[in-house]
Amino acid sequence: PTDVYRSENAEHQDWVMVGNHDTPSIWRLTKD
């Protein structure tokens, strides 16, 4: 529950994203 990547643990000044240029596409992941 304390993991830094969970969206609910973000602070208002943070940037959230499902992925970036170094990660698999979210479409590839959810299909897998």
ModelCIF file with pLDDT and N, C-alpha, C, O atoms, coordinates in Angstrom:
data_MODEL
#
_entry.id   MODEL 
#
_entity.id                         1 
_entity.type                       polymer 
_entity.pdbx_number_of_molecules   1 
#
_entity_poly.entity_id                      1 
_entity_poly.type                           'polypeptide(L)' 
_entity_poly.nstd_linkage                   no 
_entity_poly.nstd_monomer                   no 
_entity_poly.pdbx_seq_one_letter_code       PTDVYRSENAEHQDWVMVGNHDTPSIWRLTKD 
_entity_poly.pdbx_seq_one_letter_code_can   PTDVYRSENAEHQDWVMVGNHDTPSIWRLTKD 
_entity_poly.pdbx_strand_id                 A 
#
loop_
_entity_poly_seq.entity_id 
_entity_poly_seq.num 
_entity_poly_seq.mon_id 
_entity_poly_seq.hetero 
1 1  PRO n 
1 2  THR n 
1 3  ASP n 
1 4  VAL n 
1 5  TYR n 
1 6  ARG n 
1 7  SER n 
1 8  GLU n 
1 9  ASN n 
1 10 ALA n 
1 11 GLU n 
1 12 HIS n 
1 13 GLN n 
1 14 ASP n 
1 15 TRP n 
1 16 VAL n 
1 17 MET n 
1 18 VAL n 
1 19 GLY n 
1 20 ASN n 
1 21 HIS n 
1 22 ASP n 
1 23 THR n 
1 24 PRO n 
1 25 SER n 
1 26 ILE n 
1 27 TRP n 
1 28 ARG n 
1 29 LEU n 
1 30 THR n 
1 31 LYS n 
1 32 ASP n 
#
_struct_asym.id          A 
_struct_asym.entity_id   1 
#
loop_
_ma_qa_metric.id 
_ma_qa_metric.mode 
_ma_qa_metric.name 
_ma_qa_metric.software_group_id 
_ma_qa_metric.type 
1 global pLDDT . pLDDT 
2 local  pLDDT . pLDDT 
#
_ma_qa_metric_global.metric_id      1 
_ma_qa_metric_global.metric_value   97.41 
_ma_qa_metric_global.model_id       1 
_ma_qa_metric_global.ordinal_id     1 
#
loop_
_ma_qa_metric_local.label_asym_id 
_ma_qa_metric_local.label_comp_id 
_ma_qa_metric_local.label_seq_id 
_ma_qa_metric_local.metric_id 
_ma_qa_metric_local.metric_value 
_ma_qa_metric_local.model_id 
_ma_qa_metric_local.ordinal_id 
A PRO 1  2 97.00 1 1  
A THR 2  2 96.00 1 2  
A ASP 3  2 96.00 1 3  
A VAL 4  2 96.00 1 4  
A TYR 5  2 97.00 1 5  
A ARG 6  2 97.00 1 6  
A SER 7  2 98.00 1 7  
A GLU 8  2 98.00 1 8  
A ASN 9  2 98.00 1 9  
A ALA 10 2 98.00 1 10 
A GLU 11 2 98.00 1 11 
A HIS 12 2 97.00 1 12 
A GLN 13 2 98.00 1 13 
A ASP 14 2 98.00 1 14 
A TRP 15 2 98.00 1 15 
A VAL 16 2 98.00 1 16 
A MET 17 2 98.00 1 17 
A VAL 18 2 98.00 1 18 
A GLY 19 2 98.00 1 19 
A ASN 20 2 97.00 1 20 
A HIS 21 2 97.00 1 21 
A ASP 22 2 95.00 1 22 
A THR 23 2 97.00 1 23 
A PRO 24 2 97.00 1 24 
A SER 25 2 98.00 1 25 
A ILE 26 2 98.00 1 26 
A TRP 27 2 98.00 1 27 
A ARG 28 2 98.00 1 28 
A LEU 29 2 98.00 1 29 
A THR 30 2 98.00 1 30 
A LYS 31 2 97.00 1 31 
A ASP 32 2 97.00 1 32 
#
loop_
_atom_site.group_PDB 
_atom_site.id 
_atom_site.type_symbol 
_atom_site.label_atom_id 
_atom_site.label_alt_id 
_atom_site.label_comp_id 
_atom_site.label_asym_id 
_atom_site.label_entity_id 
_atom_site.label_seq_id 
_atom_site.pdbx_PDB_ins_code 
_atom_site.Cartn_x 
_atom_site.Cartn_y 
_atom_site.Cartn_z 
_atom_site.occupancy 
_atom_site.B_iso_or_equiv 
_atom_site.pdbx_formal_charge 
_atom_site.auth_seq_id 
_atom_site.auth_comp_id 
_atom_site.auth_asym_id 
_atom_site.auth_atom_id 
_atom_site.pdbx_PDB_model_num 
ATOM 1   N N  . PRO A 1 1  ? 0.807  -1.234  0.000   1.00 97.00 ? 1  PRO A N  1 
ATOM 2   C CA . PRO A 1 1  ? 0.000  0.000   0.000   1.00 97.00 ? 1  PRO A CA 1 
ATOM 3   C C  . PRO A 1 1  ? 0.833  1.274   0.000   1.00 97.00 ? 1  PRO A C  1 
ATOM 4   O O  . PRO A 1 1  ? 0.324  2.342   -0.340  1.00 97.00 ? 1  PRO A O  1 
ATOM 5   N N  . THR A 1 2  ? 2.112  1.177   0.378   1.00 96.00 ? 2  THR A N  1 
ATOM 6   C CA . THR A 1 2  ? 2.957  2.370   0.440   1.00 96.00 ? 2  THR A CA 1 
ATOM 7   C C  . THR A 1 2  ? 3.818  2.550   -0.799  1.00 96.00 ? 2  THR A C  1 
ATOM 8   O O  . THR A 1 2  ? 4.619  3.484   -0.846  1.00 96.00 ? 2  THR A O  1 
ATOM 9   N N  . ASP A 1 3  ? 3.683  1.693   -1.804  1.00 96.00 ? 3  ASP A N  1 
ATOM 10  C CA . ASP A 1 3  ? 4.554  1.741   -2.974  1.00 96.00 ? 3  ASP A CA 1 
ATOM 11  C C  . ASP A 1 3  ? 4.482  3.103   -3.659  1.00 96.00 ? 3  ASP A C  1 
ATOM 12  O O  . ASP A 1 3  ? 3.406  3.682   -3.806  1.00 96.00 ? 3  ASP A O  1 
ATOM 13  N N  . VAL A 1 4  ? 5.648  3.607   -4.077  1.00 96.00 ? 4  VAL A N  1 
ATOM 14  C CA . VAL A 1 4  ? 5.730  4.966   -4.622  1.00 96.00 ? 4  VAL A CA 1 
ATOM 15  C C  . VAL A 1 4  ? 5.020  5.114   -5.962  1.00 96.00 ? 4  VAL A C  1 
ATOM 16  O O  . VAL A 1 4  ? 4.668  6.226   -6.355  1.00 96.00 ? 4  VAL A O  1 
ATOM 17  N N  . TYR A 1 5  ? 4.808  4.004   -6.665  1.00 97.00 ? 5  TYR A N  1 
ATOM 18  C CA . TYR A 1 5  ? 4.201  4.100   -7.987  1.00 97.00 ? 5  TYR A CA 1 
ATOM 19  C C  . TYR A 1 5  ? 2.673  4.037   -7.956  1.00 97.00 ? 5  TYR A C  1 
ATOM 20  O O  . TYR A 1 5  ? 2.041  4.237   -8.993  1.00 97.00 ? 5  TYR A O  1 
ATOM 21  N N  . ARG A 1 6  ? 2.074  3.772   -6.822  1.00 97.00 ? 6  ARG A N  1 
ATOM 22  C CA . ARG A 1 6  ? 0.613  3.772   -6.743  1.00 97.00 ? 6  ARG A CA 1 
ATOM 23  C C  . ARG A 1 6  ? 0.111  5.210   -6.821  1.00 97.00 ? 6  ARG A C  1 
ATOM 24  O O  . ARG A 1 6  ? 0.627  6.087   -6.129  1.00 97.00 ? 6  ARG A O  1 
ATOM 25  N N  . SER A 1 7  ? -0.881 5.451   -7.651  1.00 98.00 ? 7  SER A N  1 
ATOM 26  C CA . SER A 1 7  ? -1.320 6.817   -7.924  1.00 98.00 ? 7  SER A CA 1 
ATOM 27  C C  . SER A 1 7  ? -1.838 7.518   -6.680  1.00 98.00 ? 7  SER A C  1 
ATOM 28  O O  . SER A 1 7  ? -1.697 8.734   -6.552  1.00 98.00 ? 7  SER A O  1 
ATOM 29  N N  . GLU A 1 8  ? -2.435 6.767   -5.760  1.00 98.00 ? 8  GLU A N  1 
ATOM 30  C CA . GLU A 1 8  ? -2.999 7.403   -4.568  1.00 98.00 ? 8  GLU A CA 1 
ATOM 31  C C  . GLU A 1 8  ? -1.929 7.911   -3.612  1.00 98.00 ? 8  GLU A C  1 
ATOM 32  O O  . GLU A 1 8  ? -2.229 8.681   -2.700  1.00 98.00 ? 8  GLU A O  1 
ATOM 33  N N  . ASN A 1 9  ? -0.659 7.477   -3.815  1.00 98.00 ? 9  ASN A N  1 
ATOM 34  C CA . ASN A 1 9  ? 0.425  7.926   -2.945  1.00 98.00 ? 9  ASN A CA 1 
ATOM 35  C C  . ASN A 1 9  ? 1.136  9.165   -3.480  1.00 98.00 ? 9  ASN A C  1 
ATOM 36  O O  . ASN A 1 9  ? 2.092  9.646   -2.872  1.00 98.00 ? 9  ASN A O  1 
ATOM 37  N N  . ALA A 1 10 ? 0.675  9.676   -4.601  1.00 98.00 ? 10 ALA A N  1 
ATOM 38  C CA . ALA A 1 10 ? 1.301  10.866  -5.193  1.00 98.00 ? 10 ALA A CA 1 
ATOM 39  C C  . ALA A 1 10 ? 0.970  12.114  -4.379  1.00 98.00 ? 10 ALA A C  1 
ATOM 40  O O  . ALA A 1 10 ? -0.033 12.169  -3.668  1.00 98.00 ? 10 ALA A O  1 
ATOM 41  N N  . GLU A 1 11 ? 1.836  13.105  -4.503  1.00 98.00 ? 11 GLU A N  1 
ATOM 42  C CA . GLU A 1 11 ? 1.592  14.442  -3.952  1.00 98.00 ? 11 GLU A CA 1 
ATOM 43  C C  . GLU A 1 11 ? 1.104  15.346  -5.075  1.00 98.00 ? 11 GLU A C  1 
ATOM 44  O O  . GLU A 1 11 ? 1.266  15.034  -6.254  1.00 98.00 ? 11 GLU A O  1 
ATOM 45  N N  . HIS A 1 12 ? 0.506  16.469  -4.695  1.00 97.00 ? 12 HIS A N  1 
ATOM 46  C CA . HIS A 1 12 ? -0.107 17.330  -5.720  1.00 97.00 ? 12 HIS A CA 1 
ATOM 47  C C  . HIS A 1 12 ? 0.900  17.850  -6.729  1.00 97.00 ? 12 HIS A C  1 
ATOM 48  O O  . HIS A 1 12 ? 0.526  18.133  -7.867  1.00 97.00 ? 12 HIS A O  1 
ATOM 49  N N  . GLN A 1 13 ? 2.195  17.991  -6.343  1.00 98.00 ? 13 GLN A N  1 
ATOM 50  C CA . GLN A 1 13 ? 3.205  18.529  -7.266  1.00 98.00 ? 13 GLN A CA 1 
ATOM 51  C C  . GLN A 1 13 ? 3.795  17.460  -8.180  1.00 98.00 ? 13 GLN A C  1 
ATOM 52  O O  . GLN A 1 13 ? 4.614  17.779  -9.041  1.00 98.00 ? 13 GLN A O  1 
ATOM 53  N N  . ASP A 1 14 ? 3.398  16.200  -8.012  1.00 98.00 ? 14 ASP A N  1 
ATOM 54  C CA . ASP A 1 14 ? 3.978  15.101  -8.783  1.00 98.00 ? 14 ASP A CA 1 
ATOM 55  C C  . ASP A 1 14 ? 3.392  15.013  -10.191 1.00 98.00 ? 14 ASP A C  1 
ATOM 56  O O  . ASP A 1 14 ? 2.403  15.664  -10.526 1.00 98.00 ? 14 ASP A O  1 
ATOM 57  N N  . TRP A 1 15 ? 4.054  14.171  -11.005 1.00 98.00 ? 15 TRP A N  1 
ATOM 58  C CA . TRP A 1 15 ? 3.598  13.846  -12.358 1.00 98.00 ? 15 TRP A CA 1 
ATOM 59  C C  . TRP A 1 15 ? 3.252  12.366  -12.402 1.00 98.00 ? 15 TRP A C  1 
ATOM 60  O O  . TRP A 1 15 ? 4.062  11.528  -12.006 1.00 98.00 ? 15 TRP A O  1 
ATOM 61  N N  . VAL A 1 16 ? 2.049  12.035  -12.882 1.00 98.00 ? 16 VAL A N  1 
ATOM 62  C CA . VAL A 1 16 ? 1.617  10.640  -12.974 1.00 98.00 ? 16 VAL A CA 1 
ATOM 63  C C  . VAL A 1 16 ? 1.501  10.239  -14.440 1.00 98.00 ? 16 VAL A C  1 
ATOM 64  O O  . VAL A 1 16 ? 1.175  11.054  -15.303 1.00 98.00 ? 16 VAL A O  1 
ATOM 65  N N  . MET A 1 17 ? 1.777  8.963   -14.698 1.00 98.00 ? 17 MET A N  1 
ATOM 66  C CA . MET A 1 17 ? 1.741  8.432   -16.067 1.00 98.00 ? 17 MET A CA 1 
ATOM 67  C C  . MET A 1 17 ? 1.641  6.916   -15.981 1.00 98.00 ? 17 MET A C  1 
ATOM 68  O O  . MET A 1 17 ? 2.114  6.317   -15.015 1.00 98.00 ? 17 MET A O  1 
ATOM 69  N N  . VAL A 1 18 ? 1.030  6.293   -16.980 1.00 98.00 ? 18 VAL A N  1 
ATOM 70  C CA . VAL A 1 18 ? 0.986  4.830   -16.976 1.00 98.00 ? 18 VAL A CA 1 
ATOM 71  C C  . VAL A 1 18 ? 2.301  4.237   -17.456 1.00 98.00 ? 18 VAL A C  1 
ATOM 72  O O  . VAL A 1 18 ? 2.632  3.104   -17.107 1.00 98.00 ? 18 VAL A O  1 
ATOM 73  N N  . GLY A 1 19 ? 3.049  4.983   -18.249 1.00 98.00 ? 19 GLY A N  1 
ATOM 74  C CA . GLY A 1 19 ? 4.329  4.517   -18.750 1.00 98.00 ? 19 GLY A CA 1 
ATOM 75  C C  . GLY A 1 19 ? 5.095  5.665   -19.364 1.00 98.00 ? 19 GLY A C  1 
ATOM 76  O O  . GLY A 1 19 ? 4.586  6.781   -19.468 1.00 98.00 ? 19 GLY A O  1 
ATOM 77  N N  . ASN A 1 20 ? 6.324  5.388   -19.771 1.00 97.00 ? 20 ASN A N  1 
ATOM 78  C CA . ASN A 1 20 ? 7.138  6.413   -20.423 1.00 97.00 ? 20 ASN A CA 1 
ATOM 79  C C  . ASN A 1 20 ? 7.903  5.779   -21.584 1.00 97.00 ? 20 ASN A C  1 
ATOM 80  O O  . ASN A 1 20 ? 7.564  4.683   -22.030 1.00 97.00 ? 20 ASN A O  1 
ATOM 81  N N  . HIS A 1 21 ? 8.917  6.459   -22.062 1.00 97.00 ? 21 HIS A N  1 
ATOM 82  C CA . HIS A 1 21 ? 9.632  5.952   -23.237 1.00 97.00 ? 21 HIS A CA 1 
ATOM 83  C C  . HIS A 1 21 ? 10.440 4.689   -22.945 1.00 97.00 ? 21 HIS A C  1 
ATOM 84  O O  . HIS A 1 21 ? 10.869 4.009   -23.877 1.00 97.00 ? 21 HIS A O  1 
ATOM 85  N N  . ASP A 1 22 ? 10.655 4.364   -21.669 1.00 95.00 ? 22 ASP A N  1 
ATOM 86  C CA . ASP A 1 22 ? 11.444 3.196   -21.299 1.00 95.00 ? 22 ASP A CA 1 
ATOM 87  C C  . ASP A 1 22 ? 10.602 1.989   -20.899 1.00 95.00 ? 22 ASP A C  1 
ATOM 88  O O  . ASP A 1 22 ? 11.162 0.963   -20.511 1.00 95.00 ? 22 ASP A O  1 
ATOM 89  N N  . THR A 1 23 ? 9.283  2.078   -20.981 1.00 97.00 ? 23 THR A N  1 
ATOM 90  C CA . THR A 1 23 ? 8.426  0.997   -20.497 1.00 97.00 ? 23 THR A CA 1 
ATOM 91  C C  . THR A 1 23 ? 7.625  0.389   -21.649 1.00 97.00 ? 23 THR A C  1 
ATOM 92  O O  . THR A 1 23 ? 7.484  1.009   -22.704 1.00 97.00 ? 23 THR A O  1 
ATOM 93  N N  . PRO A 1 24 ? 7.106  -0.811  -21.451 1.00 97.00 ? 24 PRO A N  1 
ATOM 94  C CA . PRO A 1 24 ? 6.208  -1.369  -22.471 1.00 97.00 ? 24 PRO A CA 1 
ATOM 95  C C  . PRO A 1 24 ? 4.949  -0.524  -22.605 1.00 97.00 ? 24 PRO A C  1 
ATOM 96  O O  . PRO A 1 24 ? 4.534  0.135   -21.652 1.00 97.00 ? 24 PRO A O  1 
ATOM 97  N N  . SER A 1 25 ? 4.350  -0.545  -23.771 1.00 98.00 ? 25 SER A N  1 
ATOM 98  C CA . SER A 1 25 ? 3.062  0.106   -23.980 1.00 98.00 ? 25 SER A CA 1 
ATOM 99  C C  . SER A 1 25 ? 2.043  -0.485  -23.015 1.00 98.00 ? 25 SER A C  1 
ATOM 100 O O  . SER A 1 25 ? 2.079  -1.683  -22.738 1.00 98.00 ? 25 SER A O  1 
ATOM 101 N N  . ILE A 1 26 ? 1.135  0.342   -22.500 1.00 98.00 ? 26 ILE A N  1 
ATOM 102 C CA . ILE A 1 26 ? 0.098  -0.156  -21.601 1.00 98.00 ? 26 ILE A CA 1 
ATOM 103 C C  . ILE A 1 26 ? -0.789 -1.172  -22.307 1.00 98.00 ? 26 ILE A C  1 
ATOM 104 O O  . ILE A 1 26 ? -1.363 -2.048  -21.660 1.00 98.00 ? 26 ILE A O  1 
ATOM 105 N N  . TRP A 1 27 ? -0.905 -1.063  -23.628 1.00 98.00 ? 27 TRP A N  1 
ATOM 106 C CA . TRP A 1 27 ? -1.710 -2.011  -24.404 1.00 98.00 ? 27 TRP A CA 1 
ATOM 107 C C  . TRP A 1 27 ? -1.029 -3.381  -24.452 1.00 98.00 ? 27 TRP A C  1 
ATOM 108 O O  . TRP A 1 27 ? -1.696 -4.411  -24.363 1.00 98.00 ? 27 TRP A O  1 
ATOM 109 N N  . ARG A 1 28 ? 0.279  -3.391  -24.592 1.00 98.00 ? 28 ARG A N  1 
ATOM 110 C CA . ARG A 1 28 ? 1.010  -4.643  -24.571 1.00 98.00 ? 28 ARG A CA 1 
ATOM 111 C C  . ARG A 1 28 ? 0.902  -5.312  -23.205 1.00 98.00 ? 28 ARG A C  1 
ATOM 112 O O  . ARG A 1 28 ? 0.707  -6.523  -23.095 1.00 98.00 ? 28 ARG A O  1 
ATOM 113 N N  . LEU A 1 29 ? 1.036  -4.481  -22.160 1.00 98.00 ? 29 LEU A N  1 
ATOM 114 C CA . LEU A 1 29 ? 0.989  -5.014  -20.803 1.00 98.00 ? 29 LEU A CA 1 
ATOM 115 C C  . LEU A 1 29 ? -0.373 -5.606  -20.465 1.00 98.00 ? 29 LEU A C  1 
ATOM 116 O O  . LEU A 1 29 ? -0.464 -6.734  -19.982 1.00 98.00 ? 29 LEU A O  1 
ATOM 117 N N  . THR A 1 30 ? -1.445 -4.829  -20.725 1.00 98.00 ? 30 THR A N  1 
ATOM 118 C CA . THR A 1 30 ? -2.762 -5.325  -20.338 1.00 98.00 ? 30 THR A CA 1 
ATOM 119 C C  . THR A 1 30 ? -3.153 -6.566  -21.142 1.00 98.00 ? 30 THR A C  1 
ATOM 120 O O  . THR A 1 30 ? -3.864 -7.435  -20.638 1.00 98.00 ? 30 THR A O  1 
ATOM 121 N N  . LYS A 1 31 ? -2.688 -6.648  -22.389 1.00 97.00 ? 31 LYS A N  1 
ATOM 122 C CA . LYS A 1 31 ? -2.945 -7.868  -23.166 1.00 97.00 ? 31 LYS A CA 1 
ATOM 123 C C  . LYS A 1 31 ? -2.201 -9.044  -22.545 1.00 97.00 ? 31 LYS A C  1 
ATOM 124 O O  . LYS A 1 31 ? -2.732 -10.154 -22.493 1.00 97.00 ? 31 LYS A O  1 
ATOM 125 N N  . ASP A 1 32 ? -0.979 -8.814  -22.073 1.00 97.00 ? 32 ASP A N  1 
ATOM 126 C CA . ASP A 1 32 ? -0.211 -9.878  -21.423 1.00 97.00 ? 32 ASP A CA 1 
ATOM 127 C C  . ASP A 1 32 ? -0.819 -10.263 -20.072 1.00 97.00 ? 32 ASP A C  1 
ATOM 128 O O  . ASP A 1 32 ? -0.298 -11.144 -19.389 1.00 97.00 ? 32 ASP A O  1 
#
